[in-house]
Amino acid sequence: MVDATLLPNGKVILVNGAKSGNSNNGGPGGGGQARDMEGHAWLYDPKAPAGGRFSVLAASAIKRFYHSTAMLLPSGDLLVMGSEQNDCLDACIQFNPALHQFQAELFKLPYAFAPGRPIITGTSTEVAPMGTDVRVSYLGFVTGAVLMTPGAVTHQLNMNQRGIKLVVAKNENGVVTLIMPPPGGLIAQPGWYMLFLLNGDLPCTKASWVQLTS
């Protein structure tokens, strides 16, 4: 029942879930027979050496099992919500009535506290046809850019999760020119995206929304 969320820097954050049991609907009201919450977040770095790609981050005291969710925000933070029968799973024999978790949490990644994150100060357009250029003004230092799809999360599955690296055509004097994905729908579909500038592994402090059109 873990929620995996792709980050702008290509890493993956994993939150929620249990250390034992399963997530099937084991009793009235659903929820399954999961036990022993996994409070810690785990960060997966695909570029790290084999054997060292997972690292343990901060922990939450809130139990989040079945129907919990997590999604990326324009700030680069993670919005963590939900759960079903969060208290009953450890103590109850009967699974009815279902106990729901209504608290939401804001999980800040390590880069939230790091210096050197770029700041977007403006974009040349909010609506960009496929294959066209978008100019982004910024403060700081920029090495790349990425489009991130907004979240559509349910049942531990983000069905609209994707990161698309953008080609940097020009980058000088605090303005970076980015080439949007080509038309045709093979790389990107029309719709709204969060545009993140990157300084190495550090995403900008707040993404700009860009609508790709065909």
N, C-alpha and C. Protein backbone atom coordinates (compact mmCIF):
# COMPACT_ATOMS: atom_id res chain seq x y z
N MET A 1 0.82 -1.20 0.00
CA MET A 1 0.00 0.00 0.00
C MET A 1 0.85 1.25 0.00
N VAL A 2 2.04 1.13 -0.51
CA VAL A 2 2.94 2.28 -0.56
C VAL A 2 2.54 3.20 -1.71
N ASP A 3 2.75 4.49 -1.52
CA ASP A 3 2.55 5.48 -2.58
C ASP A 3 3.90 5.95 -3.08
N ALA A 4 4.17 5.77 -4.37
CA ALA A 4 5.43 6.18 -4.98
C ALA A 4 5.18 7.41 -5.85
N THR A 5 5.97 8.46 -5.64
CA THR A 5 5.78 9.70 -6.37
C THR A 5 7.08 10.12 -7.03
N LEU A 6 7.01 10.37 -8.33
CA LEU A 6 8.17 10.82 -9.09
C LEU A 6 8.45 12.28 -8.79
N LEU A 7 9.71 12.61 -8.53
CA LEU A 7 10.12 13.97 -8.21
C LEU A 7 10.74 14.66 -9.42
N PRO A 8 10.82 15.98 -9.43
CA PRO A 8 11.37 16.70 -10.58
C PRO A 8 12.82 16.33 -10.90
N ASN A 9 13.58 15.89 -9.91
CA ASN A 9 14.99 15.54 -10.15
C ASN A 9 15.18 14.08 -10.55
N GLY A 10 14.10 13.37 -10.82
CA GLY A 10 14.20 11.98 -11.27
C GLY A 10 14.22 10.95 -10.17
N LYS A 11 14.26 11.39 -8.92
CA LYS A 11 14.21 10.46 -7.80
C LYS A 11 12.75 10.13 -7.48
N VAL A 12 12.55 9.10 -6.66
CA VAL A 12 11.20 8.65 -6.33
C VAL A 12 11.06 8.61 -4.81
N ILE A 13 10.00 9.21 -4.30
CA ILE A 13 9.73 9.19 -2.87
C ILE A 13 8.61 8.19 -2.59
N LEU A 14 8.81 7.33 -1.59
CA LEU A 14 7.83 6.32 -1.22
C LEU A 14 7.35 6.58 0.20
N VAL A 15 6.03 6.68 0.37
CA VAL A 15 5.44 6.93 1.68
C VAL A 15 4.23 6.01 1.88
N ASN A 16 3.80 5.93 3.15
CA ASN A 16 2.59 5.18 3.54
C ASN A 16 2.82 3.67 3.46
N GLY A 17 1.81 2.93 3.91
CA GLY A 17 1.87 1.48 3.81
C GLY A 17 2.16 0.78 5.12
N ALA A 18 2.29 -0.54 5.02
CA ALA A 18 2.49 -1.41 6.18
C ALA A 18 3.67 -2.33 5.94
N LYS A 19 4.19 -2.87 7.04
CA LYS A 19 5.33 -3.79 6.96
C LYS A 19 4.90 -5.24 6.83
N SER A 20 3.61 -5.53 7.06
CA SER A 20 3.13 -6.90 6.94
C SER A 20 1.66 -6.89 6.55
N GLY A 21 1.16 -8.05 6.14
CA GLY A 21 -0.23 -8.16 5.75
C GLY A 21 -0.44 -7.81 4.29
N ASN A 22 -1.68 -7.53 3.94
CA ASN A 22 -2.01 -7.23 2.56
C ASN A 22 -3.10 -6.17 2.52
N SER A 23 -3.43 -5.74 1.32
CA SER A 23 -4.35 -4.61 1.18
C SER A 23 -5.70 -5.01 0.63
N ASN A 24 -6.05 -6.29 0.70
CA ASN A 24 -7.37 -6.67 0.17
C ASN A 24 -8.47 -6.29 1.14
N ASN A 25 -9.69 -6.35 0.69
CA ASN A 25 -10.82 -6.00 1.54
C ASN A 25 -11.18 -7.19 2.42
N GLY A 26 -10.53 -7.29 3.56
CA GLY A 26 -10.67 -8.47 4.39
C GLY A 26 -11.87 -8.46 5.30
N GLY A 27 -12.66 -7.40 5.31
CA GLY A 27 -13.81 -7.38 6.19
C GLY A 27 -14.78 -6.30 5.76
N PRO A 28 -15.92 -6.21 6.41
CA PRO A 28 -16.91 -5.19 6.05
C PRO A 28 -16.29 -3.80 6.06
N GLY A 29 -16.54 -3.05 5.02
CA GLY A 29 -16.01 -1.70 4.94
C GLY A 29 -14.66 -1.62 4.28
N GLY A 30 -14.05 -2.75 3.98
CA GLY A 30 -12.76 -2.75 3.27
C GLY A 30 -11.60 -2.49 4.21
N GLY A 31 -10.42 -2.35 3.64
CA GLY A 31 -9.26 -2.01 4.44
C GLY A 31 -8.21 -3.08 4.51
N GLY A 32 -8.61 -4.35 4.38
CA GLY A 32 -7.63 -5.41 4.37
C GLY A 32 -7.09 -5.75 5.75
N GLN A 33 -6.03 -6.58 5.78
CA GLN A 33 -5.47 -7.03 7.04
C GLN A 33 -4.03 -6.56 7.23
N ALA A 34 -3.72 -5.38 6.75
CA ALA A 34 -2.36 -4.86 6.91
C ALA A 34 -2.09 -4.58 8.39
N ARG A 35 -0.83 -4.75 8.78
CA ARG A 35 -0.41 -4.50 10.16
C ARG A 35 0.95 -3.80 10.17
N ASP A 36 1.24 -3.14 11.27
CA ASP A 36 2.58 -2.58 11.52
C ASP A 36 2.91 -1.49 10.49
N MET A 37 2.46 -0.28 10.76
CA MET A 37 2.65 0.83 9.83
C MET A 37 4.12 1.07 9.49
N GLU A 38 4.36 1.50 8.26
CA GLU A 38 5.68 1.98 7.86
C GLU A 38 5.63 3.50 7.87
N GLY A 39 6.13 4.07 8.95
CA GLY A 39 6.04 5.52 9.11
C GLY A 39 7.07 6.30 8.33
N HIS A 40 8.22 5.68 8.08
CA HIS A 40 9.30 6.39 7.40
C HIS A 40 9.03 6.54 5.90
N ALA A 41 9.50 7.64 5.37
CA ALA A 41 9.55 7.81 3.92
C ALA A 41 10.87 7.24 3.42
N TRP A 42 10.83 6.71 2.20
CA TRP A 42 12.03 6.16 1.57
C TRP A 42 12.28 6.91 0.26
N LEU A 43 13.54 7.23 0.01
CA LEU A 43 13.90 7.94 -1.21
C LEU A 43 14.72 7.01 -2.10
N TYR A 44 14.28 6.85 -3.35
CA TYR A 44 15.00 6.02 -4.31
C TYR A 44 15.71 6.90 -5.32
N ASP A 45 17.01 6.68 -5.45
CA ASP A 45 17.85 7.44 -6.38
C ASP A 45 18.37 6.48 -7.44
N PRO A 46 17.82 6.49 -8.66
CA PRO A 46 18.25 5.52 -9.68
C PRO A 46 19.68 5.72 -10.15
N LYS A 47 20.27 6.88 -9.87
CA LYS A 47 21.63 7.15 -10.32
C LYS A 47 22.68 6.78 -9.27
N ALA A 48 22.25 6.42 -8.08
CA ALA A 48 23.19 6.03 -7.03
C ALA A 48 23.75 4.64 -7.32
N PRO A 49 24.92 4.32 -6.76
CA PRO A 49 25.50 2.99 -6.97
C PRO A 49 24.58 1.89 -6.46
N ALA A 50 24.63 0.73 -7.11
CA ALA A 50 23.83 -0.41 -6.68
C ALA A 50 24.11 -0.73 -5.22
N GLY A 51 23.07 -1.01 -4.48
CA GLY A 51 23.19 -1.28 -3.06
C GLY A 51 23.03 -0.05 -2.19
N GLY A 52 23.02 1.12 -2.80
CA GLY A 52 22.88 2.35 -2.04
C GLY A 52 21.85 3.30 -2.62
N ARG A 53 20.87 2.75 -3.31
CA ARG A 53 19.89 3.60 -4.00
C ARG A 53 18.71 3.99 -3.12
N PHE A 54 18.53 3.33 -1.99
CA PHE A 54 17.45 3.68 -1.08
C PHE A 54 18.02 4.35 0.15
N SER A 55 17.38 5.42 0.59
CA SER A 55 17.74 6.08 1.84
C SER A 55 16.47 6.35 2.63
N VAL A 56 16.59 6.33 3.96
CA VAL A 56 15.44 6.51 4.85
C VAL A 56 15.35 7.98 5.24
N LEU A 57 14.14 8.54 5.12
CA LEU A 57 13.92 9.94 5.46
C LEU A 57 13.06 10.03 6.72
N ALA A 58 12.44 11.16 6.94
CA ALA A 58 11.67 11.41 8.15
C ALA A 58 10.45 10.49 8.24
N ALA A 59 9.93 10.37 9.45
CA ALA A 59 8.79 9.48 9.71
C ALA A 59 7.56 10.28 10.10
N SER A 60 6.40 9.73 9.81
CA SER A 60 5.12 10.27 10.25
C SER A 60 4.55 9.37 11.33
N ALA A 61 3.81 9.96 12.25
CA ALA A 61 3.15 9.18 13.30
C ALA A 61 1.74 8.77 12.90
N ILE A 62 1.29 9.21 11.74
CA ILE A 62 -0.07 8.91 11.29
C ILE A 62 -0.08 7.63 10.47
N LYS A 63 -0.93 6.69 10.86
CA LYS A 63 -1.03 5.44 10.12
C LYS A 63 -1.78 5.67 8.81
N ARG A 64 -1.16 5.23 7.72
CA ARG A 64 -1.80 5.39 6.41
C ARG A 64 -1.67 4.07 5.65
N PHE A 65 -2.80 3.40 5.47
CA PHE A 65 -2.82 2.12 4.79
C PHE A 65 -3.65 2.23 3.50
N TYR A 66 -4.71 1.43 3.42
CA TYR A 66 -5.54 1.38 2.23
C TYR A 66 -6.20 2.73 1.96
N HIS A 67 -6.21 3.13 0.68
CA HIS A 67 -6.81 4.40 0.23
C HIS A 67 -6.02 5.62 0.68
N SER A 68 -4.78 5.47 1.08
CA SER A 68 -3.94 6.65 1.31
C SER A 68 -3.40 7.14 -0.03
N THR A 69 -3.01 8.40 -0.08
CA THR A 69 -2.54 8.99 -1.32
C THR A 69 -1.36 9.92 -1.06
N ALA A 70 -0.61 10.21 -2.12
CA ALA A 70 0.48 11.19 -2.06
C ALA A 70 0.63 11.79 -3.45
N MET A 71 0.88 13.11 -3.51
CA MET A 71 1.04 13.74 -4.81
C MET A 71 2.00 14.92 -4.72
N LEU A 72 2.66 15.18 -5.85
CA LEU A 72 3.63 16.27 -5.95
C LEU A 72 2.92 17.61 -6.07
N LEU A 73 3.44 18.61 -5.36
CA LEU A 73 2.92 19.97 -5.43
C LEU A 73 3.87 20.86 -6.22
N PRO A 74 3.42 22.02 -6.70
CA PRO A 74 4.31 22.93 -7.42
C PRO A 74 5.51 23.38 -6.61
N SER A 75 5.42 23.33 -5.29
CA SER A 75 6.55 23.69 -4.43
C SER A 75 7.63 22.62 -4.39
N GLY A 76 7.34 21.45 -4.98
CA GLY A 76 8.26 20.32 -4.87
C GLY A 76 8.03 19.49 -3.64
N ASP A 77 7.12 19.94 -2.77
CA ASP A 77 6.77 19.18 -1.58
C ASP A 77 5.76 18.08 -1.94
N LEU A 78 5.46 17.24 -0.96
CA LEU A 78 4.55 16.12 -1.16
C LEU A 78 3.33 16.30 -0.27
N LEU A 79 2.14 16.22 -0.86
CA LEU A 79 0.91 16.24 -0.09
C LEU A 79 0.49 14.80 0.18
N VAL A 80 0.40 14.44 1.47
CA VAL A 80 0.10 13.07 1.89
C VAL A 80 -1.25 13.08 2.60
N MET A 81 -2.14 12.18 2.19
CA MET A 81 -3.51 12.24 2.72
C MET A 81 -4.10 10.83 2.85
N GLY A 82 -5.20 10.77 3.63
CA GLY A 82 -6.09 9.64 3.60
C GLY A 82 -5.63 8.39 4.32
N SER A 83 -6.50 7.40 4.33
CA SER A 83 -6.31 6.05 4.84
C SER A 83 -7.66 5.55 5.33
N GLU A 84 -7.81 4.24 5.30
CA GLU A 84 -9.06 3.62 5.73
C GLU A 84 -8.76 2.65 6.85
N GLN A 85 -9.53 2.72 7.92
CA GLN A 85 -9.37 1.83 9.08
C GLN A 85 -7.96 1.92 9.66
N ASN A 86 -7.45 3.13 9.78
CA ASN A 86 -6.07 3.28 10.23
C ASN A 86 -5.86 2.83 11.67
N ASP A 87 -6.85 2.97 12.54
CA ASP A 87 -6.69 2.52 13.92
C ASP A 87 -7.12 1.07 14.09
N CYS A 88 -8.17 0.67 13.39
CA CYS A 88 -8.74 -0.66 13.57
C CYS A 88 -7.77 -1.76 13.15
N LEU A 89 -6.90 -1.48 12.23
CA LEU A 89 -6.06 -2.54 11.67
C LEU A 89 -5.12 -3.14 12.70
N ASP A 90 -4.71 -2.38 13.70
CA ASP A 90 -3.79 -2.91 14.70
C ASP A 90 -4.51 -3.52 15.90
N ALA A 91 -5.75 -3.10 16.16
CA ALA A 91 -6.36 -3.47 17.42
C ALA A 91 -7.69 -4.20 17.29
N CYS A 92 -8.43 -4.01 16.21
CA CYS A 92 -9.80 -4.52 16.14
C CYS A 92 -9.87 -5.94 15.60
N ILE A 93 -10.85 -6.67 16.06
CA ILE A 93 -11.15 -7.97 15.48
C ILE A 93 -12.15 -7.79 14.34
N GLN A 94 -13.17 -6.97 14.56
CA GLN A 94 -14.15 -6.69 13.53
C GLN A 94 -13.71 -5.46 12.73
N PHE A 95 -13.93 -5.49 11.44
CA PHE A 95 -13.50 -4.40 10.57
C PHE A 95 -14.64 -3.41 10.29
N ASN A 96 -15.69 -3.48 11.08
CA ASN A 96 -16.82 -2.60 10.85
C ASN A 96 -17.15 -1.87 12.15
N PRO A 97 -17.32 -0.57 12.21
CA PRO A 97 -17.33 0.33 11.04
C PRO A 97 -15.92 0.71 10.59
N ALA A 98 -15.82 1.16 9.34
CA ALA A 98 -14.53 1.60 8.82
C ALA A 98 -14.13 2.91 9.49
N LEU A 99 -12.85 3.02 9.82
CA LEU A 99 -12.31 4.24 10.40
C LEU A 99 -11.49 4.95 9.34
N HIS A 100 -11.79 6.19 9.09
CA HIS A 100 -11.13 6.93 8.02
C HIS A 100 -10.20 7.99 8.59
N GLN A 101 -9.11 8.23 7.88
CA GLN A 101 -8.12 9.22 8.30
C GLN A 101 -8.33 10.48 7.47
N PHE A 102 -8.66 11.58 8.14
CA PHE A 102 -8.95 12.83 7.44
C PHE A 102 -7.82 13.86 7.56
N GLN A 103 -6.76 13.53 8.26
CA GLN A 103 -5.64 14.46 8.39
C GLN A 103 -4.78 14.43 7.13
N ALA A 104 -4.30 15.59 6.73
CA ALA A 104 -3.36 15.71 5.61
C ALA A 104 -2.02 16.21 6.14
N GLU A 105 -0.95 15.81 5.48
CA GLU A 105 0.40 16.22 5.88
C GLU A 105 1.15 16.80 4.68
N LEU A 106 2.04 17.72 4.97
CA LEU A 106 2.94 18.26 3.96
C LEU A 106 4.33 17.70 4.25
N PHE A 107 4.83 16.86 3.33
CA PHE A 107 6.15 16.25 3.50
C PHE A 107 7.16 17.05 2.67
N LYS A 108 8.17 17.57 3.35
CA LYS A 108 9.20 18.33 2.67
C LYS A 108 10.41 17.45 2.41
N LEU A 109 10.84 17.42 1.17
CA LEU A 109 12.01 16.64 0.77
C LEU A 109 13.29 17.34 1.24
N PRO A 110 14.41 16.63 1.30
CA PRO A 110 15.66 17.27 1.73
C PRO A 110 16.02 18.52 0.95
N TYR A 111 15.68 18.56 -0.35
CA TYR A 111 16.04 19.75 -1.13
C TYR A 111 15.28 21.00 -0.69
N ALA A 112 14.19 20.83 0.07
CA ALA A 112 13.43 21.99 0.54
C ALA A 112 14.26 22.87 1.47
N PHE A 113 15.27 22.29 2.10
CA PHE A 113 16.09 23.01 3.06
C PHE A 113 17.47 23.36 2.51
N ALA A 114 17.69 23.06 1.24
CA ALA A 114 19.01 23.28 0.63
C ALA A 114 19.08 24.66 -0.02
N PRO A 115 20.23 25.33 0.09
CA PRO A 115 20.41 26.59 -0.64
C PRO A 115 20.63 26.31 -2.13
N GLY A 116 20.39 27.32 -2.95
CA GLY A 116 20.70 27.19 -4.37
C GLY A 116 19.53 26.81 -5.25
N ARG A 117 18.32 26.76 -4.72
CA ARG A 117 17.17 26.43 -5.56
C ARG A 117 16.82 27.63 -6.44
N PRO A 118 16.64 27.42 -7.74
CA PRO A 118 16.26 28.53 -8.62
C PRO A 118 14.89 29.09 -8.25
N ILE A 119 14.67 30.34 -8.61
CA ILE A 119 13.38 30.99 -8.41
C ILE A 119 12.87 31.48 -9.76
N ILE A 120 11.72 30.99 -10.19
CA ILE A 120 11.12 31.46 -11.44
C ILE A 120 10.48 32.82 -11.20
N THR A 121 10.82 33.79 -12.05
CA THR A 121 10.25 35.13 -11.92
C THR A 121 9.25 35.45 -13.03
N GLY A 122 9.18 34.62 -14.07
CA GLY A 122 8.21 34.87 -15.13
C GLY A 122 8.38 33.91 -16.28
N THR A 123 7.33 33.74 -17.08
CA THR A 123 7.38 32.92 -18.29
C THR A 123 6.80 33.73 -19.45
N SER A 124 7.27 33.43 -20.66
CA SER A 124 6.82 34.18 -21.83
C SER A 124 5.39 33.87 -22.22
N THR A 125 4.89 32.73 -21.80
CA THR A 125 3.52 32.35 -22.12
C THR A 125 3.04 31.28 -21.15
N GLU A 126 1.72 31.19 -20.99
CA GLU A 126 1.12 30.14 -20.18
C GLU A 126 0.57 29.03 -21.05
N VAL A 127 0.35 29.32 -22.32
CA VAL A 127 -0.16 28.35 -23.28
C VAL A 127 0.88 28.16 -24.37
N ALA A 128 1.38 26.93 -24.54
CA ALA A 128 2.47 26.67 -25.47
C ALA A 128 2.11 25.54 -26.42
N PRO A 129 2.03 25.80 -27.72
CA PRO A 129 1.84 24.71 -28.68
C PRO A 129 3.05 23.76 -28.66
N MET A 130 2.80 22.51 -28.94
CA MET A 130 3.87 21.52 -29.00
C MET A 130 4.98 21.97 -29.95
N GLY A 131 6.22 21.79 -29.52
CA GLY A 131 7.36 22.09 -30.37
C GLY A 131 7.80 23.54 -30.37
N THR A 132 7.10 24.41 -29.65
CA THR A 132 7.48 25.82 -29.63
C THR A 132 8.41 26.12 -28.46
N ASP A 133 8.95 27.33 -28.44
CA ASP A 133 9.85 27.76 -27.39
C ASP A 133 9.09 28.48 -26.28
N VAL A 134 9.55 28.28 -25.06
CA VAL A 134 9.05 29.03 -23.91
C VAL A 134 10.25 29.62 -23.19
N ARG A 135 10.22 30.92 -22.96
CA ARG A 135 11.31 31.59 -22.25
C ARG A 135 10.91 31.76 -20.79
N VAL A 136 11.83 31.38 -19.91
CA VAL A 136 11.57 31.46 -18.48
C VAL A 136 12.66 32.30 -17.84
N SER A 137 12.27 33.36 -17.15
CA SER A 137 13.24 34.17 -16.42
C SER A 137 13.35 33.64 -14.99
N TYR A 138 14.53 33.78 -14.43
CA TYR A 138 14.77 33.16 -13.12
C TYR A 138 15.87 33.89 -12.36
N LEU A 139 15.93 33.60 -11.08
CA LEU A 139 17.03 34.01 -10.21
C LEU A 139 17.79 32.77 -9.79
N GLY A 140 19.12 32.87 -9.75
CA GLY A 140 19.92 31.73 -9.34
C GLY A 140 20.66 31.11 -10.50
N PHE A 141 20.83 29.79 -10.42
CA PHE A 141 21.58 29.04 -11.42
C PHE A 141 20.71 27.90 -11.93
N VAL A 142 20.70 27.69 -13.25
CA VAL A 142 19.84 26.68 -13.86
C VAL A 142 20.65 25.77 -14.77
N THR A 143 20.48 24.46 -14.61
CA THR A 143 21.17 23.48 -15.45
C THR A 143 20.21 22.69 -16.33
N GLY A 144 18.91 22.77 -16.07
CA GLY A 144 17.96 22.00 -16.86
C GLY A 144 16.54 22.33 -16.47
N ALA A 145 15.59 21.65 -17.11
CA ALA A 145 14.18 21.88 -16.84
C ALA A 145 13.39 20.62 -17.14
N VAL A 146 12.24 20.50 -16.50
CA VAL A 146 11.41 19.31 -16.67
C VAL A 146 9.94 19.68 -16.54
N LEU A 147 9.11 19.01 -17.31
CA LEU A 147 7.66 19.12 -17.15
C LEU A 147 7.17 17.95 -16.30
N MET A 148 6.36 18.24 -15.30
CA MET A 148 5.79 17.20 -14.45
C MET A 148 4.27 17.25 -14.56
N THR A 149 3.66 16.09 -14.79
CA THR A 149 2.21 16.03 -14.85
C THR A 149 1.61 16.22 -13.46
N PRO A 150 0.43 16.84 -13.37
CA PRO A 150 -0.25 16.91 -12.08
C PRO A 150 -0.76 15.54 -11.67
N GLY A 151 -0.99 15.35 -10.38
CA GLY A 151 -1.34 14.04 -9.86
C GLY A 151 -2.78 13.64 -10.12
N ALA A 152 -3.00 12.34 -10.27
CA ALA A 152 -4.33 11.74 -10.33
C ALA A 152 -4.22 10.42 -9.58
N VAL A 153 -4.38 10.46 -8.26
CA VAL A 153 -3.98 9.35 -7.39
C VAL A 153 -5.19 8.68 -6.75
N THR A 154 -5.22 7.36 -6.81
CA THR A 154 -6.18 6.58 -6.05
C THR A 154 -5.67 5.15 -5.93
N HIS A 155 -5.97 4.49 -4.82
CA HIS A 155 -5.60 3.09 -4.61
C HIS A 155 -4.10 2.86 -4.82
N GLN A 156 -3.27 3.77 -4.31
CA GLN A 156 -1.82 3.66 -4.40
C GLN A 156 -1.29 3.72 -5.83
N LEU A 157 -2.06 4.27 -6.74
CA LEU A 157 -1.64 4.34 -8.13
C LEU A 157 -1.85 5.76 -8.65
N ASN A 158 -0.76 6.38 -9.10
CA ASN A 158 -0.84 7.69 -9.73
C ASN A 158 -0.91 7.46 -11.24
N MET A 159 -2.10 7.58 -11.79
CA MET A 159 -2.33 7.19 -13.18
C MET A 159 -1.89 8.24 -14.19
N ASN A 160 -1.42 9.39 -13.71
CA ASN A 160 -1.04 10.46 -14.64
C ASN A 160 0.37 10.94 -14.33
N GLN A 161 1.22 10.06 -13.85
CA GLN A 161 2.53 10.46 -13.34
C GLN A 161 3.60 10.35 -14.41
N ARG A 162 4.26 11.48 -14.68
CA ARG A 162 5.31 11.46 -15.69
C ARG A 162 6.18 12.70 -15.56
N GLY A 163 7.47 12.54 -15.87
CA GLY A 163 8.40 13.66 -15.94
C GLY A 163 9.02 13.69 -17.33
N ILE A 164 9.07 14.87 -17.95
CA ILE A 164 9.58 15.01 -19.31
C ILE A 164 10.70 16.05 -19.30
N LYS A 165 11.92 15.61 -19.58
CA LYS A 165 13.04 16.55 -19.66
C LYS A 165 12.89 17.43 -20.89
N LEU A 166 13.19 18.70 -20.74
CA LEU A 166 13.08 19.64 -21.84
C LEU A 166 14.45 19.99 -22.41
N VAL A 167 14.49 20.25 -23.70
CA VAL A 167 15.71 20.68 -24.36
C VAL A 167 15.93 22.16 -24.05
N VAL A 168 17.14 22.49 -23.59
CA VAL A 168 17.51 23.88 -23.33
C VAL A 168 18.16 24.44 -24.59
N ALA A 169 17.48 25.38 -25.24
CA ALA A 169 18.00 25.98 -26.47
C ALA A 169 18.97 27.11 -26.18
N LYS A 170 18.74 27.82 -25.08
CA LYS A 170 19.57 28.97 -24.74
C LYS A 170 19.43 29.25 -23.25
N ASN A 171 20.50 29.67 -22.62
CA ASN A 171 20.46 29.97 -21.19
C ASN A 171 21.50 31.03 -20.87
N GLU A 172 21.06 32.26 -20.76
CA GLU A 172 21.98 33.35 -20.45
C GLU A 172 21.22 34.54 -19.86
N ASN A 173 21.94 35.29 -19.04
CA ASN A 173 21.40 36.52 -18.44
C ASN A 173 20.09 36.30 -17.69
N GLY A 174 20.00 35.16 -17.02
CA GLY A 174 18.81 34.90 -16.21
C GLY A 174 17.57 34.53 -16.97
N VAL A 175 17.73 34.15 -18.25
CA VAL A 175 16.59 33.71 -19.05
C VAL A 175 16.96 32.41 -19.76
N VAL A 176 16.15 31.38 -19.60
CA VAL A 176 16.39 30.10 -20.26
C VAL A 176 15.28 29.86 -21.28
N THR A 177 15.69 29.47 -22.49
CA THR A 177 14.73 29.17 -23.55
C THR A 177 14.58 27.66 -23.66
N LEU A 178 13.37 27.19 -23.50
CA LEU A 178 13.09 25.75 -23.46
C LEU A 178 12.23 25.36 -24.66
N ILE A 179 12.55 24.21 -25.25
CA ILE A 179 11.77 23.69 -26.37
C ILE A 179 10.76 22.69 -25.83
N MET A 180 9.50 22.95 -26.09
CA MET A 180 8.44 22.06 -25.63
C MET A 180 8.47 20.75 -26.43
N PRO A 181 7.91 19.68 -25.89
CA PRO A 181 7.89 18.39 -26.60
C PRO A 181 7.24 18.52 -27.98
N PRO A 182 7.67 17.70 -28.93
CA PRO A 182 7.13 17.80 -30.29
C PRO A 182 5.68 17.34 -30.37
N PRO A 183 4.96 17.78 -31.40
CA PRO A 183 3.57 17.32 -31.56
C PRO A 183 3.53 15.84 -31.92
N GLY A 184 2.36 15.25 -31.80
CA GLY A 184 2.19 13.85 -32.15
C GLY A 184 1.76 12.98 -30.99
N GLY A 185 1.98 13.44 -29.76
CA GLY A 185 1.51 12.71 -28.60
C GLY A 185 2.37 11.55 -28.15
N LEU A 186 3.53 11.33 -28.79
CA LEU A 186 4.38 10.20 -28.38
C LEU A 186 5.19 10.52 -27.13
N ILE A 187 5.55 11.79 -26.94
CA ILE A 187 6.34 12.19 -25.78
C ILE A 187 5.46 12.85 -24.72
N ALA A 188 4.55 13.70 -25.15
CA ALA A 188 3.67 14.38 -24.21
C ALA A 188 2.29 14.55 -24.82
N GLN A 189 1.29 14.48 -23.97
CA GLN A 189 -0.09 14.72 -24.38
C GLN A 189 -0.46 16.17 -24.09
N PRO A 190 -1.39 16.75 -24.85
CA PRO A 190 -1.86 18.09 -24.52
C PRO A 190 -2.43 18.14 -23.11
N GLY A 191 -2.26 19.26 -22.45
CA GLY A 191 -2.77 19.41 -21.10
C GLY A 191 -1.89 20.31 -20.26
N TRP A 192 -2.21 20.38 -18.99
CA TRP A 192 -1.48 21.23 -18.05
C TRP A 192 -0.32 20.47 -17.42
N TYR A 193 0.81 21.18 -17.27
CA TYR A 193 2.02 20.61 -16.67
C TYR A 193 2.63 21.62 -15.69
N MET A 194 3.33 21.09 -14.71
CA MET A 194 4.17 21.92 -13.85
C MET A 194 5.56 22.00 -14.47
N LEU A 195 6.02 23.21 -14.72
CA LEU A 195 7.34 23.42 -15.31
C LEU A 195 8.32 23.74 -14.18
N PHE A 196 9.26 22.83 -13.96
CA PHE A 196 10.29 23.01 -12.94
C PHE A 196 11.63 23.34 -13.60
N LEU A 197 12.30 24.38 -13.13
CA LEU A 197 13.71 24.58 -13.45
C LEU A 197 14.54 23.82 -12.43
N LEU A 198 15.72 23.37 -12.85
CA LEU A 198 16.59 22.58 -11.99
C LEU A 198 17.97 23.19 -11.90
N ASN A 199 18.54 23.12 -10.73
CA ASN A 199 19.96 23.39 -10.50
C ASN A 199 20.57 22.09 -10.01
N GLY A 200 21.04 21.27 -10.93
CA GLY A 200 21.46 19.92 -10.56
C GLY A 200 20.26 19.12 -10.10
N ASP A 201 20.30 18.65 -8.84
CA ASP A 201 19.19 17.90 -8.27
C ASP A 201 18.21 18.79 -7.52
N LEU A 202 18.42 20.10 -7.55
CA LEU A 202 17.58 21.02 -6.80
C LEU A 202 16.50 21.62 -7.70
N PRO A 203 15.23 21.32 -7.47
CA PRO A 203 14.17 21.95 -8.26
C PRO A 203 13.92 23.38 -7.79
N CYS A 204 13.31 24.17 -8.64
CA CYS A 204 12.99 25.55 -8.29
C CYS A 204 12.01 25.59 -7.11
N THR A 205 11.92 26.75 -6.48
CA THR A 205 11.09 26.88 -5.28
C THR A 205 9.60 26.76 -5.58
N LYS A 206 9.20 27.11 -6.80
CA LYS A 206 7.80 26.98 -7.19
C LYS A 206 7.71 26.83 -8.70
N ALA A 207 7.06 25.77 -9.15
CA ALA A 207 6.91 25.53 -10.58
C ALA A 207 5.90 26.50 -11.18
N SER A 208 6.02 26.72 -12.48
CA SER A 208 5.04 27.49 -13.23
C SER A 208 4.14 26.53 -14.01
N TRP A 209 2.86 26.87 -14.10
CA TRP A 209 1.93 26.04 -14.86
C TRP A 209 1.99 26.41 -16.34
N VAL A 210 2.09 25.40 -17.19
CA VAL A 210 2.12 25.59 -18.64
C VAL A 210 1.13 24.62 -19.27
N GLN A 211 0.32 25.13 -20.18
CA GLN A 211 -0.62 24.29 -20.90
C GLN A 211 -0.08 23.98 -22.29
N LEU A 212 0.21 22.70 -22.55
CA LEU A 212 0.64 22.27 -23.87
C LEU A 212 -0.59 22.06 -24.76
N THR A 213 -0.52 22.58 -25.98
CA THR A 213 -1.61 22.40 -26.92
C THR A 213 -1.08 21.74 -28.19
N SER A 214 -1.94 21.01 -28.87
CA SER A 214 -1.53 20.29 -30.07
C SER A 214 -1.56 21.21 -31.28
